[in-house]
Amino acid sequence: MATLIKSDGTQEPYPEPKNGSNYSLEELQTAIGGYIQVVELPSGDLLVCDEEGKLKGRPVNWQATEITREVLSAYDVMVGDVLQIGPEQIK
């Protein structure tokens, strides 16, 4: 099940893929509002974020930043809304 982690600190379930198994590029771009960037977590889950979020001035997403702390540099942060999905939900 996918979870949308919003920059305001809230989380909500994200609708299942339209084809029932994996998200299309369009669905992922709609979820995060831009070009996608995928960050792999140690757990195997993936965080999908807006590749240009910092350039767009999106707010820092502290929850997503904490989740990615092990894979980001010490001074980097995640911004904007982020979609957490399983690796089987993307091709």
PDB file of N, CA and C in Angstrom:
ATOM      1  N   MET A   1       0.837  -1.186   0.000  1.00  0.00           N
ATOM      2  CA  MET A   1       0.000   0.000   0.000  1.00  0.00           C
ATOM      3  C   MET A   1       0.879   1.245   0.000  1.00  0.00           C
ATOM      4  N   ALA A   2       0.537   2.209  -0.818  1.00  0.00           N
ATOM      5  CA  ALA A   2       1.300   3.441  -0.931  1.00  0.00           C
ATOM      6  C   ALA A   2       0.810   4.466   0.093  1.00  0.00           C
ATOM      7  N   THR A   3       1.743   5.290   0.543  1.00  0.00           N
ATOM      8  CA  THR A   3       1.430   6.344   1.503  1.00  0.00           C
ATOM      9  C   THR A   3       1.974   7.663   0.990  1.00  0.00           C
ATOM     10  N   LEU A   4       1.132   8.680   0.980  1.00  0.00           N
ATOM     11  CA  LEU A   4       1.562  10.025   0.633  1.00  0.00           C
ATOM     12  C   LEU A   4       1.982  10.716   1.920  1.00  0.00           C
ATOM     13  N   ILE A   5       3.254  11.095   1.983  1.00  0.00           N
ATOM     14  CA  ILE A   5       3.799  11.804   3.144  1.00  0.00           C
ATOM     15  C   ILE A   5       3.865  13.270   2.756  1.00  0.00           C
ATOM     16  N   LYS A   6       2.980  14.058   3.343  1.00  0.00           N
ATOM     17  CA  LYS A   6       2.885  15.466   2.970  1.00  0.00           C
ATOM     18  C   LYS A   6       3.882  16.313   3.750  1.00  0.00           C
ATOM     19  N   SER A   7       4.265  17.419   3.158  1.00  0.00           N
ATOM     20  CA  SER A   7       5.243  18.292   3.799  1.00  0.00           C
ATOM     21  C   SER A   7       4.687  18.959   5.059  1.00  0.00           C
ATOM     22  N   ASP A   8       3.373  18.922   5.247  1.00  0.00           N
ATOM     23  CA  ASP A   8       2.789  19.503   6.469  1.00  0.00           C
ATOM     24  C   ASP A   8       2.809  18.514   7.640  1.00  0.00           C
ATOM     25  N   GLY A   9       3.407  17.334   7.417  1.00  0.00           N
ATOM     26  CA  GLY A   9       3.546  16.349   8.485  1.00  0.00           C
ATOM     27  C   GLY A   9       2.462  15.291   8.513  1.00  0.00           C
ATOM     28  N   THR A  10       1.443  15.422   7.679  1.00  0.00           N
ATOM     29  CA  THR A  10       0.380  14.424   7.654  1.00  0.00           C
ATOM     30  C   THR A  10       0.702  13.319   6.652  1.00  0.00           C
ATOM     31  N   GLN A  11       0.072  12.186   6.866  1.00  0.00           N
ATOM     32  CA  GLN A  11       0.208  11.052   5.955  1.00  0.00           C
ATOM     33  C   GLN A  11      -1.178  10.562   5.593  1.00  0.00           C
ATOM     34  N   GLU A  12      -1.315  10.092   4.361  1.00  0.00           N
ATOM     35  CA  GLU A  12      -2.597   9.522   3.958  1.00  0.00           C
ATOM     36  C   GLU A  12      -2.351   8.400   2.954  1.00  0.00           C
ATOM     37  N   PRO A  13      -3.226   7.403   2.968  1.00  0.00           N
ATOM     38  CA  PRO A  13      -3.095   6.330   1.982  1.00  0.00           C
ATOM     39  C   PRO A  13      -3.270   6.901   0.576  1.00  0.00           C
ATOM     40  N   TYR A  14      -2.507   6.386  -0.350  1.00  0.00           N
ATOM     41  CA  TYR A  14      -2.617   6.831  -1.738  1.00  0.00           C
ATOM     42  C   TYR A  14      -3.358   5.755  -2.522  1.00  0.00           C
ATOM     43  N   PRO A  15      -4.230   6.150  -3.452  1.00  0.00           N
ATOM     44  CA  PRO A  15      -5.003   5.150  -4.210  1.00  0.00           C
ATOM     45  C   PRO A  15      -4.105   4.133  -4.920  1.00  0.00           C
ATOM     46  N   GLU A  16      -4.606   2.930  -5.023  1.00  0.00           N
ATOM     47  CA  GLU A  16      -3.876   1.865  -5.713  1.00  0.00           C
ATOM     48  C   GLU A  16      -3.678   2.242  -7.186  1.00  0.00           C
ATOM     49  N   PRO A  17      -2.666   1.657  -7.832  1.00  0.00           N
ATOM     50  CA  PRO A  17      -2.446   1.945  -9.250  1.00  0.00           C
ATOM     51  C   PRO A  17      -3.683   1.605 -10.085  1.00  0.00           C
ATOM     52  N   LYS A  18      -3.892   2.372 -11.145  1.00  0.00           N
ATOM     53  CA  LYS A  18      -5.065   2.156 -11.993  1.00  0.00           C
ATOM     54  C   LYS A  18      -5.063   0.767 -12.621  1.00  0.00           C
ATOM     55  N   ASN A  19      -3.867   0.245 -12.932  1.00  0.00           N
ATOM     56  CA  ASN A  19      -3.807  -1.083 -13.557  1.00  0.00           C
ATOM     57  C   ASN A  19      -3.808  -2.210 -12.527  1.00  0.00           C
ATOM     58  N   GLY A  20      -3.832  -1.847 -11.235  1.00  0.00           N
ATOM     59  CA  GLY A  20      -3.913  -2.845 -10.175  1.00  0.00           C
ATOM     60  C   GLY A  20      -2.594  -3.398  -9.684  1.00  0.00           C
ATOM     61  N   SER A  21      -1.479  -3.069 -10.356  1.00  0.00           N
ATOM     62  CA  SER A  21      -0.209  -3.644  -9.913  1.00  0.00           C
ATOM     63  C   SER A  21       0.919  -2.627  -9.733  1.00  0.00           C
ATOM     64  N   ASN A  22       1.137  -1.740 -10.717  1.00  0.00           N
ATOM     65  CA  ASN A  22       2.226  -0.778 -10.567  1.00  0.00           C
ATOM     66  C   ASN A  22       1.810   0.577 -11.132  1.00  0.00           C
ATOM     67  N   TYR A  23       2.407   1.630 -10.564  1.00  0.00           N
ATOM     68  CA  TYR A  23       2.056   2.994 -10.942  1.00  0.00           C
ATOM     69  C   TYR A  23       2.690   3.373 -12.276  1.00  0.00           C
ATOM     70  N   SER A  24       1.929   4.101 -13.079  1.00  0.00           N
ATOM     71  CA  SER A  24       2.465   4.661 -14.318  1.00  0.00           C
ATOM     72  C   SER A  24       3.260   5.921 -13.968  1.00  0.00           C
ATOM     73  N   LEU A  25       4.075   6.355 -14.898  1.00  0.00           N
ATOM     74  CA  LEU A  25       4.828   7.593 -14.708  1.00  0.00           C
ATOM     75  C   LEU A  25       3.870   8.752 -14.443  1.00  0.00           C
ATOM     76  N   GLU A  26       2.792   8.808 -15.173  1.00  0.00           N
ATOM     77  CA  GLU A  26       1.802   9.877 -14.998  1.00  0.00           C
ATOM     78  C   GLU A  26       1.207   9.866 -13.585  1.00  0.00           C
ATOM     79  N   GLU A  27       0.888   8.694 -13.073  1.00  0.00           N
ATOM     80  CA  GLU A  27       0.334   8.601 -11.712  1.00  0.00           C
ATOM     81  C   GLU A  27       1.342   9.094 -10.675  1.00  0.00           C
ATOM     82  N   LEU A  28       2.605   8.735 -10.848  1.00  0.00           N
ATOM     83  CA  LEU A  28       3.639   9.170  -9.904  1.00  0.00           C
ATOM     84  C   LEU A  28       3.842  10.678  -9.984  1.00  0.00           C
ATOM     85  N   GLN A  29       3.864  11.217 -11.190  1.00  0.00           N
ATOM     86  CA  GLN A  29       4.044  12.661 -11.353  1.00  0.00           C
ATOM     87  C   GLN A  29       2.862  13.434 -10.762  1.00  0.00           C
ATOM     88  N   THR A  30       1.676  12.903 -10.890  1.00  0.00           N
ATOM     89  CA  THR A  30       0.493  13.535 -10.311  1.00  0.00           C
ATOM     90  C   THR A  30       0.587  13.541  -8.787  1.00  0.00           C
ATOM     91  N   ALA A  31       1.068  12.458  -8.214  1.00  0.00           N
ATOM     92  CA  ALA A  31       1.162  12.342  -6.754  1.00  0.00           C
ATOM     93  C   ALA A  31       2.092  13.379  -6.149  1.00  0.00           C
ATOM     94  N   ILE A  32       3.219  13.636  -6.819  1.00  0.00           N
ATOM     95  CA  ILE A  32       4.229  14.508  -6.220  1.00  0.00           C
ATOM     96  C   ILE A  32       4.323  15.880  -6.890  1.00  0.00           C
ATOM     97  N   GLY A  33       3.642  16.049  -8.007  1.00  0.00           N
ATOM     98  CA  GLY A  33       3.574  17.360  -8.638  1.00  0.00           C
ATOM     99  C   GLY A  33       4.768  17.759  -9.476  1.00  0.00           C
ATOM    100  N   GLY A  34       5.418  16.808 -10.115  1.00  0.00           N
ATOM    101  CA  GLY A  34       6.550  17.167 -10.971  1.00  0.00           C
ATOM    102  C   GLY A  34       7.286  15.953 -11.487  1.00  0.00           C
ATOM    103  N   TYR A  35       8.492  16.210 -12.010  1.00  0.00           N
ATOM    104  CA  TYR A  35       9.348  15.117 -12.472  1.00  0.00           C
ATOM    105  C   TYR A  35       9.731  14.255 -11.280  1.00  0.00           C
ATOM    106  N   ILE A  36       9.787  12.936 -11.491  1.00  0.00           N
ATOM    107  CA  ILE A  36      10.033  12.066 -10.347  1.00  0.00           C
ATOM    108  C   ILE A  36      11.514  11.783 -10.141  1.00  0.00           C
ATOM    109  N   GLN A  37      11.854  11.626  -8.886  1.00  0.00           N
ATOM    110  CA  GLN A  37      13.151  11.110  -8.457  1.00  0.00           C
ATOM    111  C   GLN A  37      12.836  10.024  -7.446  1.00  0.00           C
ATOM    112  N   VAL A  38      13.527   8.906  -7.542  1.00  0.00           N
ATOM    113  CA  VAL A  38      13.265   7.775  -6.658  1.00  0.00           C
ATOM    114  C   VAL A  38      14.458   7.577  -5.722  1.00  0.00           C
ATOM    115  N   VAL A  39      14.159   7.473  -4.431  1.00  0.00           N
ATOM    116  CA  VAL A  39      15.177   7.222  -3.417  1.00  0.00           C
ATOM    117  C   VAL A  39      14.886   5.863  -2.805  1.00  0.00           C
ATOM    118  N   GLU A  40      15.867   4.965  -2.865  1.00  0.00           N
ATOM    119  CA  GLU A  40      15.691   3.636  -2.282  1.00  0.00           C
ATOM    120  C   GLU A  40      16.081   3.658  -0.812  1.00  0.00           C
ATOM    121  N   LEU A  41      15.204   3.129   0.022  1.00  0.00           N
ATOM    122  CA  LEU A  41      15.436   3.074   1.461  1.00  0.00           C
ATOM    123  C   LEU A  41      16.087   1.745   1.840  1.00  0.00           C
ATOM    124  N   PRO A  42      16.789   1.685   2.962  1.00  0.00           N
ATOM    125  CA  PRO A  42      17.384   0.421   3.411  1.00  0.00           C
ATOM    126  C   PRO A  42      16.352  -0.705   3.549  1.00  0.00           C
ATOM    127  N   SER A  43      15.105  -0.365   3.830  1.00  0.00           N
ATOM    128  CA  SER A  43      14.043  -1.369   3.989  1.00  0.00           C
ATOM    129  C   SER A  43      13.627  -1.986   2.656  1.00  0.00           C
ATOM    130  N   GLY A  44      14.038  -1.362   1.542  1.00  0.00           N
ATOM    131  CA  GLY A  44      13.618  -1.817   0.225  1.00  0.00           C
ATOM    132  C   GLY A  44      12.496  -0.979  -0.352  1.00  0.00           C
ATOM    133  N   ASP A  45      11.768  -0.245   0.511  1.00  0.00           N
ATOM    134  CA  ASP A  45      10.731   0.660   0.022  1.00  0.00           C
ATOM    135  C   ASP A  45      11.373   1.783  -0.786  1.00  0.00           C
ATOM    136  N   LEU A  46      10.545   2.465  -1.549  1.00  0.00           N
ATOM    137  CA  LEU A  46      11.005   3.577  -2.367  1.00  0.00           C
ATOM    138  C   LEU A  46      10.257   4.840  -1.981  1.00  0.00           C
ATOM    139  N   LEU A  47      10.956   5.967  -1.999  1.00  0.00           N
ATOM    140  CA  LEU A  47      10.318   7.268  -1.837  1.00  0.00           C
ATOM    141  C   LEU A  47      10.393   7.964  -3.184  1.00  0.00           C
ATOM    142  N   VAL A  48       9.251   8.389  -3.672  1.00  0.00           N
ATOM    143  CA  VAL A  48       9.180   9.110  -4.933  1.00  0.00           C
ATOM    144  C   VAL A  48       8.957  10.585  -4.598  1.00  0.00           C
ATOM    145  N   CYS A  49       9.868  11.428  -5.080  1.00  0.00           N
ATOM    146  CA  CYS A  49       9.767  12.856  -4.782  1.00  0.00           C
ATOM    147  C   CYS A  49       9.905  13.657  -6.069  1.00  0.00           C
ATOM    148  N   ASP A  50       9.665  14.966  -5.978  1.00  0.00           N
ATOM    149  CA  ASP A  50       9.788  15.877  -7.113  1.00  0.00           C
ATOM    150  C   ASP A  50      11.266  16.207  -7.298  1.00  0.00           C
ATOM    151  N   GLU A  51      11.810  15.829  -8.443  1.00  0.00           N
ATOM    152  CA  GLU A  51      13.218  16.057  -8.737  1.00  0.00           C
ATOM    153  C   GLU A  51      13.596  17.536  -8.665  1.00  0.00           C
ATOM    154  N   GLU A  52      12.664  18.416  -8.976  1.00  0.00           N
ATOM    155  CA  GLU A  52      12.936  19.850  -8.986  1.00  0.00           C
ATOM    156  C   GLU A  52      12.295  20.577  -7.797  1.00  0.00           C
ATOM    157  N   GLY A  53      11.935  19.834  -6.767  1.00  0.00           N
ATOM    158  CA  GLY A  53      11.246  20.417  -5.624  1.00  0.00           C
ATOM    159  C   GLY A  53      11.989  21.559  -4.965  1.00  0.00           C
ATOM    160  N   LYS A  54      13.297  21.438  -4.825  1.00  0.00           N
ATOM    161  CA  LYS A  54      14.074  22.515  -4.191  1.00  0.00           C
ATOM    162  C   LYS A  54      14.103  23.753  -5.077  1.00  0.00           C
ATOM    163  N   LEU A  55      14.228  23.546  -6.380  1.00  0.00           N
ATOM    164  CA  LEU A  55      14.217  24.680  -7.315  1.00  0.00           C
ATOM    165  C   LEU A  55      12.879  25.392  -7.302  1.00  0.00           C
ATOM    166  N   LYS A  56      11.810  24.655  -7.049  1.00  0.00           N
ATOM    167  CA  LYS A  56      10.458  25.220  -7.004  1.00  0.00           C
ATOM    168  C   LYS A  56      10.134  25.854  -5.655  1.00  0.00           C
ATOM    169  N   GLY A  57      11.046  25.727  -4.688  1.00  0.00           N
ATOM    170  CA  GLY A  57      10.821  26.305  -3.369  1.00  0.00           C
ATOM    171  C   GLY A  57       9.831  25.545  -2.515  1.00  0.00           C
ATOM    172  N   ARG A  58       9.707  24.246  -2.761  1.00  0.00           N
ATOM    173  CA  ARG A  58       8.786  23.425  -1.956  1.00  0.00           C
ATOM    174  C   ARG A  58       9.263  23.391  -0.501  1.00  0.00           C
ATOM    175  N   PRO A  59       8.327  23.297   0.449  1.00  0.00           N
ATOM    176  CA  PRO A  59       8.717  23.278   1.868  1.00  0.00           C
ATOM    177  C   PRO A  59       9.418  21.970   2.241  1.00  0.00           C
ATOM    178  N   VAL A  60      10.258  22.055   3.251  1.00  0.00           N
ATOM    179  CA  VAL A  60      10.969  20.871   3.738  1.00  0.00           C
ATOM    180  C   VAL A  60       9.954  19.872   4.281  1.00  0.00           C
ATOM    181  N   ASN A  61      10.149  18.627   3.938  1.00  0.00           N
ATOM    182  CA  ASN A  61       9.314  17.535   4.434  1.00  0.00           C
ATOM    183  C   ASN A  61      10.147  16.811   5.497  1.00  0.00           C
ATOM    184  N   TRP A  62       9.935  17.191   6.753  1.00  0.00           N
ATOM    185  CA  TRP A  62      10.772  16.677   7.835  1.00  0.00           C
ATOM    186  C   TRP A  62      10.568  15.177   8.062  1.00  0.00           C
ATOM    187  N   GLN A  63       9.352  14.684   7.880  1.00  0.00           N
ATOM    188  CA  GLN A  63       9.125  13.236   8.052  1.00  0.00           C
ATOM    189  C   GLN A  63       9.886  12.445   7.001  1.00  0.00           C
ATOM    190  N   ALA A  64       9.795  12.860   5.756  1.00  0.00           N
ATOM    191  CA  ALA A  64      10.506  12.166   4.675  1.00  0.00           C
ATOM    192  C   ALA A  64      12.013  12.293   4.862  1.00  0.00           C
ATOM    193  N   THR A  65      12.468  13.440   5.344  1.00  0.00           N
ATOM    194  CA  THR A  65      13.898  13.633   5.598  1.00  0.00           C
ATOM    195  C   THR A  65      14.380  12.644   6.655  1.00  0.00           C
ATOM    196  N   GLU A  66      13.612  12.480   7.708  1.00  0.00           N
ATOM    197  CA  GLU A  66      13.996  11.535   8.774  1.00  0.00           C
ATOM    198  C   GLU A  66      14.043  10.101   8.241  1.00  0.00           C
ATOM    199  N   ILE A  67      13.074   9.728   7.411  1.00  0.00           N
ATOM    200  CA  ILE A  67      13.031   8.383   6.848  1.00  0.00           C
ATOM    201  C   ILE A  67      14.252   8.115   5.971  1.00  0.00           C
ATOM    202  N   THR A  68      14.734   9.143   5.283  1.00  0.00           N
ATOM    203  CA  THR A  68      15.857   8.978   4.352  1.00  0.00           C
ATOM    204  C   THR A  68      17.214   9.327   4.961  1.00  0.00           C
ATOM    205  N   ARG A  69      17.253   9.603   6.234  1.00  0.00           N
ATOM    206  CA  ARG A  69      18.497  10.051   6.880  1.00  0.00           C
ATOM    207  C   ARG A  69      19.677   9.118   6.607  1.00  0.00           C
ATOM    208  N   GLU A  70      19.437   7.821   6.538  1.00  0.00           N
ATOM    209  CA  GLU A  70      20.532   6.863   6.317  1.00  0.00           C
ATOM    210  C   GLU A  70      21.098   6.939   4.904  1.00  0.00           C
ATOM    211  N   VAL A  71      20.334   7.449   3.949  1.00  0.00           N
ATOM    212  CA  VAL A  71      20.801   7.459   2.555  1.00  0.00           C
ATOM    213  C   VAL A  71      21.101   8.866   2.023  1.00  0.00           C
ATOM    214  N   LEU A  72      20.669   9.907   2.709  1.00  0.00           N
ATOM    215  CA  LEU A  72      20.979  11.272   2.295  1.00  0.00           C
ATOM    216  C   LEU A  72      22.249  11.749   2.976  1.00  0.00           C
ATOM    217  N   SER A  73      22.884  12.753   2.390  1.00  0.00           N
ATOM    218  CA  SER A  73      24.018  13.359   3.074  1.00  0.00           C
ATOM    219  C   SER A  73      23.500  14.069   4.328  1.00  0.00           C
ATOM    220  N   ALA A  74      24.395  14.362   5.236  1.00  0.00           N
ATOM    221  CA  ALA A  74      24.012  14.927   6.535  1.00  0.00           C
ATOM    222  C   ALA A  74      23.275  16.255   6.414  1.00  0.00           C
ATOM    223  N   TYR A  75      23.521  17.015   5.364  1.00  0.00           N
ATOM    224  CA  TYR A  75      22.927  18.345   5.247  1.00  0.00           C
ATOM    225  C   TYR A  75      21.807  18.421   4.216  1.00  0.00           C
ATOM    226  N   ASP A  76      21.423  17.299   3.646  1.00  0.00           N
ATOM    227  CA  ASP A  76      20.382  17.283   2.630  1.00  0.00           C
ATOM    228  C   ASP A  76      19.011  17.080   3.274  1.00  0.00           C
ATOM    229  N   VAL A  77      17.976  17.550   2.613  1.00  0.00           N
ATOM    230  CA  VAL A  77      16.602  17.384   3.087  1.00  0.00           C
ATOM    231  C   VAL A  77      15.702  17.006   1.922  1.00  0.00           C
ATOM    232  N   MET A  78      14.592  16.366   2.236  1.00  0.00           N
ATOM    233  CA  MET A  78      13.544  16.087   1.264  1.00  0.00           C
ATOM    234  C   MET A  78      12.573  17.260   1.312  1.00  0.00           C
ATOM    235  N   VAL A  79      12.004  17.595   0.154  1.00  0.00           N
ATOM    236  CA  VAL A  79      11.051  18.705   0.108  1.00  0.00           C
ATOM    237  C   VAL A  79       9.780  18.275  -0.613  1.00  0.00           C
ATOM    238  N   GLY A  80       8.701  18.972  -0.308  1.00  0.00           N
ATOM    239  CA  GLY A  80       7.424  18.702  -0.958  1.00  0.00           C
ATOM    240  C   GLY A  80       6.794  17.403  -0.500  1.00  0.00           C
ATOM    241  N   ASP A  81       5.700  17.059  -1.137  1.00  0.00           N
ATOM    242  CA  ASP A  81       5.017  15.804  -0.827  1.00  0.00           C
ATOM    243  C   ASP A  81       5.802  14.653  -1.437  1.00  0.00           C
ATOM    244  N   VAL A  82       5.825  13.524  -0.731  1.00  0.00           N
ATOM    245  CA  VAL A  82       6.615  12.360  -1.124  1.00  0.00           C
ATOM    246  C   VAL A  82       5.711  11.133  -1.058  1.00  0.00           C
ATOM    247  N   LEU A  83       5.859  10.255  -2.028  1.00  0.00           N
ATOM    248  CA  LEU A  83       5.067   9.029  -2.071  1.00  0.00           C
ATOM    249  C   LEU A  83       5.956   7.850  -1.690  1.00  0.00           C
ATOM    250  N   GLN A  84       5.572   7.111  -0.649  1.00  0.00           N
ATOM    251  CA  GLN A  84       6.305   5.916  -0.239  1.00  0.00           C
ATOM    252  C   GLN A  84       5.583   4.698  -0.808  1.00  0.00           C
ATOM    253  N   ILE A  85       6.325   3.907  -1.605  1.00  0.00           N
ATOM    254  CA  ILE A  85       5.745   2.732  -2.258  1.00  0.00           C
ATOM    255  C   ILE A  85       6.680   1.547  -2.123  1.00  0.00           C
ATOM    256  N   GLY A  86       6.146   0.390  -2.374  1.00  0.00           N
ATOM    257  CA  GLY A  86       6.963  -0.818  -2.419  1.00  0.00           C
ATOM    258  C   GLY A  86       7.655  -0.940  -3.767  1.00  0.00           C
ATOM    259  N   PRO A  87       8.775  -1.645  -3.834  1.00  0.00           N
ATOM    260  CA  PRO A  87       9.514  -1.749  -5.092  1.00  0.00           C
ATOM    261  C   PRO A  87       8.716  -2.454  -6.193  1.00  0.00           C
ATOM    262  N   GLU A  88       7.762  -3.258  -5.819  1.00  0.00           N
ATOM    263  CA  GLU A  88       6.940  -3.961  -6.814  1.00  0.00           C
ATOM    264  C   GLU A  88       5.887  -3.053  -7.442  1.00  0.00           C
ATOM    265  N   GLN A  89       5.738  -1.838  -6.930  1.00  0.00           N
ATOM    266  CA  GLN A  89       4.711  -0.918  -7.418  1.00  0.00           C
ATOM    267  C   GLN A  89       5.228   0.043  -8.487  1.00  0.00           C
ATOM    268  N   ILE A  90       6.443  -0.189  -8.967  1.00  0.00           N
ATOM    269  CA  ILE A  90       7.026   0.671  -9.991  1.00  0.00           C
ATOM    270  C   ILE A  90       7.820  -0.204 -10.952  1.00  0.00           C
ATOM    271  N   LYS A  91       7.803   0.178 -12.222  1.00  0.00           N
ATOM    272  CA  LYS A  91       8.594  -0.550 -13.224  1.00  0.00           C
ATOM    273  C   LYS A  91       9.710   0.311 -13.722  1.00  0.00           C
TER     274      LYS A  91
END
